[in-house]
Amino acid sequence: MTNRSLVVRRASVLAGSVALLGLLAGCGNGTASAPRTESGATAPATGTTPSGSGTGSTEGDDGTSSAPSGVPTDAVSNSLTPSAPRSPVGGTRCHTSELSASVGRNNPGAGQENFPVVLTNRSSRTCTLYGYPGTAFVDASGKQLGPDPKRSSTGPETVRLAPGQSAWAGLSFANPEVSGAATATPAALLVTPPDEEDPLKVVWKSGVVPVSGDESSVRLIPFSPGTGA
C-alpha cells in the first residue's frame, strides 16, 4: 500500500510540472522587450572655438592691404582690455579678410589730434566687432614708431555690420607742437580687427606723430557704429 501511494504522488507532481511548463510556453512569444529610453536624453555637447585668424586681404584702391610679416606686437595683440569679456563664439566675428580699413579726417581740439579708425564690412554676410583695434604706426620698413597705444576705460559694445556698413574706433594723441614730444612721420598705420591676427595696412597721410618723450602715448576708444565723421 505504501509503495502504491508513493507512485501516485510522484505521478501527480510530474503532471503538475508539465502543465506549468505548457502554461509558460503559451504566455510568451520568446522575445524580450527593449529597455526604455527617457525622452530628451542626449550625449553631452562638445564646444568648438573658431580659429581666430583670417586670411590677409589684398591691396585695394583705398590703400589698405595685408601687413608684411614681422608686424609690431601690439598690432596683432588681443584687442580687448584684460578685464573685458571676449566676444561670444559662434562664427559671427568679422575676420580681417572680410574688412577694409581707413582713417578718417582729423577732428582736433584742446591740443589733441583725434582720428576715427574705420573698418567696413566688404563681405556678403553680417558680422560683428567687439572691443578695440590693434594699432601701430610703422615706417617704410615696417618698424614700429612710438610706444604701444593705451586703451580707454570705456565699456565696449557689440557692433553688427551688415554688408557695406562701417564701425569706427577713436585714435588720439597730444599735438606734438603743444606737448613737445619727439616726432616721426609714419608710412602707414597697421590696424588689426578685434581678436584677429592679420592686420590691414593704411597709408598714413596726416603728418607727424609723437614717438618719444612726455605725452607721446596714443589712446584708443572701442568701436562704435558709423564712420565717426
Protein backbone atom coordinates (compact mmCIF):
# COMPACT_ATOMS: atom_id res chain seq x y z
CA MET A 1 0.00 0.00 0.00
CA THR A 2 2.80 2.39 0.89
CA ASN A 3 4.62 1.84 -2.40
CA ARG A 4 1.45 2.37 -4.43
CA SER A 5 0.70 5.72 -2.67
CA LEU A 6 4.26 6.95 -3.38
CA VAL A 7 3.95 6.15 -7.08
CA VAL A 8 0.63 8.03 -7.31
CA ARG A 9 2.11 11.10 -5.53
CA ARG A 10 5.13 11.25 -7.89
CA ALA A 11 2.84 10.94 -10.91
CA SER A 12 0.76 13.89 -9.65
CA VAL A 13 3.86 16.09 -9.14
CA LEU A 14 5.16 15.27 -12.63
CA ALA A 15 1.80 16.06 -14.24
CA GLY A 16 1.66 19.42 -12.43
CA SER A 17 5.16 20.36 -13.64
CA VAL A 18 4.29 19.53 -17.27
CA ALA A 19 1.13 21.63 -17.07
CA LEU A 20 3.09 24.61 -15.61
CA LEU A 21 5.66 24.45 -18.41
CA GLY A 22 2.92 24.39 -21.02
CA LEU A 23 1.29 27.45 -19.45
CA LEU A 24 4.54 29.43 -19.52
CA ALA A 25 5.21 28.50 -23.13
CA GLY A 26 1.77 29.72 -24.18
CA CYS A 27 2.03 33.11 -22.44
CA GLY A 28 5.25 34.42 -24.10
CA ASN A 29 6.43 34.99 -27.71
CA GLY A 30 10.10 34.24 -26.99
CA THR A 31 11.40 37.84 -27.31
CA ALA A 32 12.38 40.37 -24.63
CA SER A 33 11.12 43.96 -24.75
CA ALA A 34 13.82 46.66 -25.32
CA PRO A 35 14.92 48.86 -22.39
CA ARG A 36 13.09 52.20 -22.25
CA THR A 37 14.98 55.33 -23.23
CA GLU A 38 13.93 58.52 -21.48
CA SER A 39 12.99 61.29 -23.90
CA GLY A 40 15.41 64.21 -24.01
CA ALA A 41 18.46 62.20 -23.01
CA THR A 42 21.30 63.23 -25.32
CA ALA A 43 25.04 62.95 -25.39
CA PRO A 44 26.98 65.88 -23.84
CA ALA A 45 27.77 68.62 -26.34
CA THR A 46 31.38 69.36 -27.17
CA GLY A 47 32.30 73.03 -27.56
CA THR A 48 34.23 74.37 -30.51
CA THR A 49 36.15 77.58 -30.84
CA PRO A 50 36.72 79.47 -34.08
CA SER A 51 40.28 79.62 -35.32
CA GLY A 52 40.54 83.38 -34.73
CA SER A 53 42.71 84.19 -37.75
CA GLY A 54 41.65 85.30 -41.20
CA THR A 55 43.48 85.36 -44.49
CA GLY A 56 45.25 88.56 -45.42
CA SER A 57 43.38 90.97 -47.63
CA THR A 58 44.66 92.14 -50.98
CA GLU A 59 45.59 95.72 -51.62
CA GLY A 60 42.71 97.91 -52.80
CA ASP A 61 42.18 101.35 -54.24
CA ASP A 62 41.76 102.78 -50.73
CA GLY A 63 45.34 101.87 -49.82
CA THR A 64 44.51 99.02 -47.47
CA SER A 65 46.39 95.77 -47.65
CA SER A 66 47.68 92.90 -45.57
CA ALA A 67 50.66 93.82 -43.44
CA PRO A 68 54.09 92.33 -44.15
CA SER A 69 55.49 89.64 -41.90
CA GLY A 70 57.08 90.73 -38.64
CA VAL A 71 54.40 93.28 -37.74
CA PRO A 72 54.65 95.02 -34.34
CA THR A 73 53.34 93.11 -31.35
CA ASP A 74 50.51 95.47 -30.47
CA ALA A 75 49.15 95.39 -33.99
CA VAL A 76 48.23 91.72 -33.54
CA SER A 77 47.55 91.56 -29.80
CA ASN A 78 44.15 90.76 -28.33
CA SER A 79 42.07 93.85 -28.86
CA LEU A 80 40.23 93.85 -25.52
CA THR A 81 41.23 95.20 -22.16
CA PRO A 82 42.37 92.42 -19.77
CA SER A 83 39.17 92.70 -17.73
CA ALA A 84 36.74 92.91 -20.63
CA PRO A 85 34.82 89.80 -21.75
CA ARG A 86 35.60 88.33 -25.14
CA SER A 87 33.01 88.37 -27.87
CA PRO A 88 30.77 85.29 -27.98
CA VAL A 89 31.99 82.41 -30.13
CA GLY A 90 29.79 81.08 -32.88
CA GLY A 91 31.26 82.37 -36.12
CA THR A 92 29.74 85.87 -36.19
CA ARG A 93 33.00 87.78 -35.64
CA CYS A 94 34.30 89.88 -38.55
CA HIS A 95 37.54 88.49 -39.95
CA THR A 96 40.34 90.54 -41.45
CA SER A 97 39.69 89.12 -44.92
CA GLU A 98 36.11 90.48 -44.77
CA LEU A 99 37.07 94.06 -43.91
CA SER A 100 38.71 97.14 -45.34
CA ALA A 101 40.34 99.82 -43.18
CA SER A 102 40.68 103.57 -43.48
CA VAL A 103 41.48 106.59 -41.32
CA GLY A 104 39.00 109.44 -41.28
CA ARG A 105 39.57 113.16 -41.10
CA ASN A 106 41.27 114.69 -38.06
CA ASN A 107 38.96 116.43 -35.61
CA PRO A 108 41.42 118.39 -33.43
CA GLY A 109 40.51 120.00 -30.15
CA ALA A 110 42.09 121.18 -26.87
CA GLY A 111 45.60 120.30 -28.03
CA GLN A 112 44.54 116.83 -29.15
CA GLU A 113 44.58 115.20 -32.58
CA ASN A 114 41.60 112.87 -32.98
CA PHE A 115 41.16 110.39 -35.83
CA PRO A 116 38.44 107.79 -36.49
CA VAL A 117 39.87 104.39 -37.48
CA VAL A 118 37.18 102.88 -39.70
CA LEU A 119 36.53 99.24 -40.57
CA THR A 120 33.99 98.47 -43.30
CA ASN A 121 32.36 95.12 -43.96
CA ARG A 122 33.07 94.25 -47.59
CA SER A 123 31.78 90.67 -47.31
CA SER A 124 28.32 89.34 -48.21
CA ARG A 125 27.38 88.38 -44.63
CA THR A 126 26.58 90.26 -41.44
CA CYS A 127 29.38 90.09 -38.87
CA THR A 128 30.26 91.71 -35.55
CA LEU A 129 33.06 93.75 -33.97
CA TYR A 130 33.60 93.96 -30.23
CA GLY A 131 36.39 95.85 -28.48
CA TYR A 132 39.39 97.80 -29.70
CA PRO A 133 41.52 97.60 -32.82
CA GLY A 134 45.16 96.69 -32.58
CA THR A 135 47.10 99.65 -33.97
CA ALA A 136 50.73 100.56 -34.65
CA PHE A 137 52.42 103.34 -36.59
CA VAL A 138 55.21 101.93 -38.77
CA ASP A 139 57.90 103.34 -41.04
CA ALA A 140 58.54 102.25 -44.61
CA SER A 141 60.46 99.16 -43.43
CA GLY A 142 57.61 98.06 -41.14
CA LYS A 143 59.35 99.08 -37.87
CA GLN A 144 57.03 100.37 -35.17
CA LEU A 145 57.23 104.05 -34.32
CA GLY A 146 56.41 105.14 -30.78
CA PRO A 147 55.02 103.23 -27.81
CA ASP A 148 52.07 100.84 -27.82
CA PRO A 149 48.72 102.64 -27.58
CA LYS A 150 46.75 102.87 -24.36
CA ARG A 151 43.09 101.87 -24.17
CA SER A 152 40.35 103.87 -22.51
CA SER A 153 38.15 102.51 -19.74
CA THR A 154 35.05 102.92 -21.94
CA GLY A 155 33.00 99.72 -21.98
CA PRO A 156 32.95 98.03 -25.42
CA GLU A 157 29.73 97.27 -27.25
CA THR A 158 28.99 94.68 -29.90
CA VAL A 159 28.63 96.38 -33.29
CA ARG A 160 26.76 94.46 -36.00
CA LEU A 161 27.89 95.22 -39.53
CA ALA A 162 25.67 94.31 -42.44
CA PRO A 163 27.44 94.19 -45.81
CA GLY A 164 28.73 97.67 -46.63
CA GLN A 165 28.33 99.06 -43.10
CA SER A 166 31.16 100.56 -41.02
CA ALA A 167 32.32 100.95 -37.42
CA TRP A 168 34.90 103.35 -36.05
CA ALA A 169 37.30 103.44 -33.10
CA GLY A 170 38.84 106.66 -31.84
CA LEU A 171 42.61 107.20 -32.03
CA SER A 172 44.02 110.33 -30.40
CA PHE A 173 47.30 111.84 -29.25
CA ALA A 174 48.56 115.16 -27.96
CA ASN A 175 49.64 117.66 -30.61
CA PRO A 176 53.46 117.41 -30.57
CA GLU A 177 53.81 121.16 -31.03
CA VAL A 178 51.93 121.59 -27.77
CA SER A 179 53.39 118.66 -25.82
CA GLY A 180 56.97 118.95 -27.02
CA ALA A 181 57.23 115.21 -27.74
CA ALA A 182 59.72 113.94 -30.32
CA THR A 183 58.06 113.10 -33.61
CA ALA A 184 58.29 110.96 -36.72
CA THR A 185 56.24 110.68 -39.88
CA PRO A 186 54.79 107.17 -40.30
CA ALA A 187 54.48 105.47 -43.65
CA ALA A 188 51.39 103.54 -42.52
CA LEU A 189 49.08 102.65 -39.68
CA LEU A 190 48.56 98.93 -39.09
CA VAL A 191 45.01 98.11 -37.97
CA THR A 192 44.01 94.69 -36.67
CA PRO A 193 40.32 93.87 -36.07
CA PRO A 194 39.38 92.63 -32.57
CA ASP A 195 40.50 89.03 -31.85
CA GLU A 196 42.18 88.70 -35.25
CA GLU A 197 45.86 88.23 -36.04
CA ASP A 198 46.19 89.58 -39.58
CA PRO A 199 46.39 93.38 -39.78
CA LEU A 200 45.36 95.77 -42.51
CA LYS A 201 47.78 98.49 -43.63
CA VAL A 202 46.50 102.03 -44.17
CA VAL A 203 48.74 104.64 -45.77
CA TRP A 204 49.25 107.45 -43.23
CA LYS A 205 48.71 110.90 -44.75
CA SER A 206 48.26 113.04 -41.65
CA GLY A 207 51.79 114.16 -40.84
CA VAL A 208 53.93 113.67 -37.77
CA VAL A 209 53.00 111.67 -34.67
CA PRO A 210 54.62 111.63 -31.22
CA VAL A 211 57.10 108.80 -30.76
CA SER A 212 59.02 109.57 -27.54
CA GLY A 213 59.14 111.93 -24.59
CA ASP A 214 56.31 113.26 -22.49
CA GLU A 215 52.79 112.95 -23.89
CA SER A 216 53.84 110.51 -26.61
CA SER A 217 51.13 107.95 -25.92
CA VAL A 218 48.42 107.19 -28.44
CA ARG A 219 45.00 106.47 -26.92
CA LEU A 220 42.14 104.34 -28.24
CA ILE A 221 38.40 104.12 -27.61
CA PRO A 222 36.40 100.99 -28.64
CA PHE A 223 34.35 100.54 -31.80
CA SER A 224 31.02 102.27 -32.30
CA PRO A 225 28.64 102.13 -35.29
CA GLY A 226 29.26 104.52 -38.18
CA THR A 227 32.32 106.25 -39.61
CA GLY A 228 32.95 108.83 -36.89
CA ALA A 229 32.59 111.63 -39.40
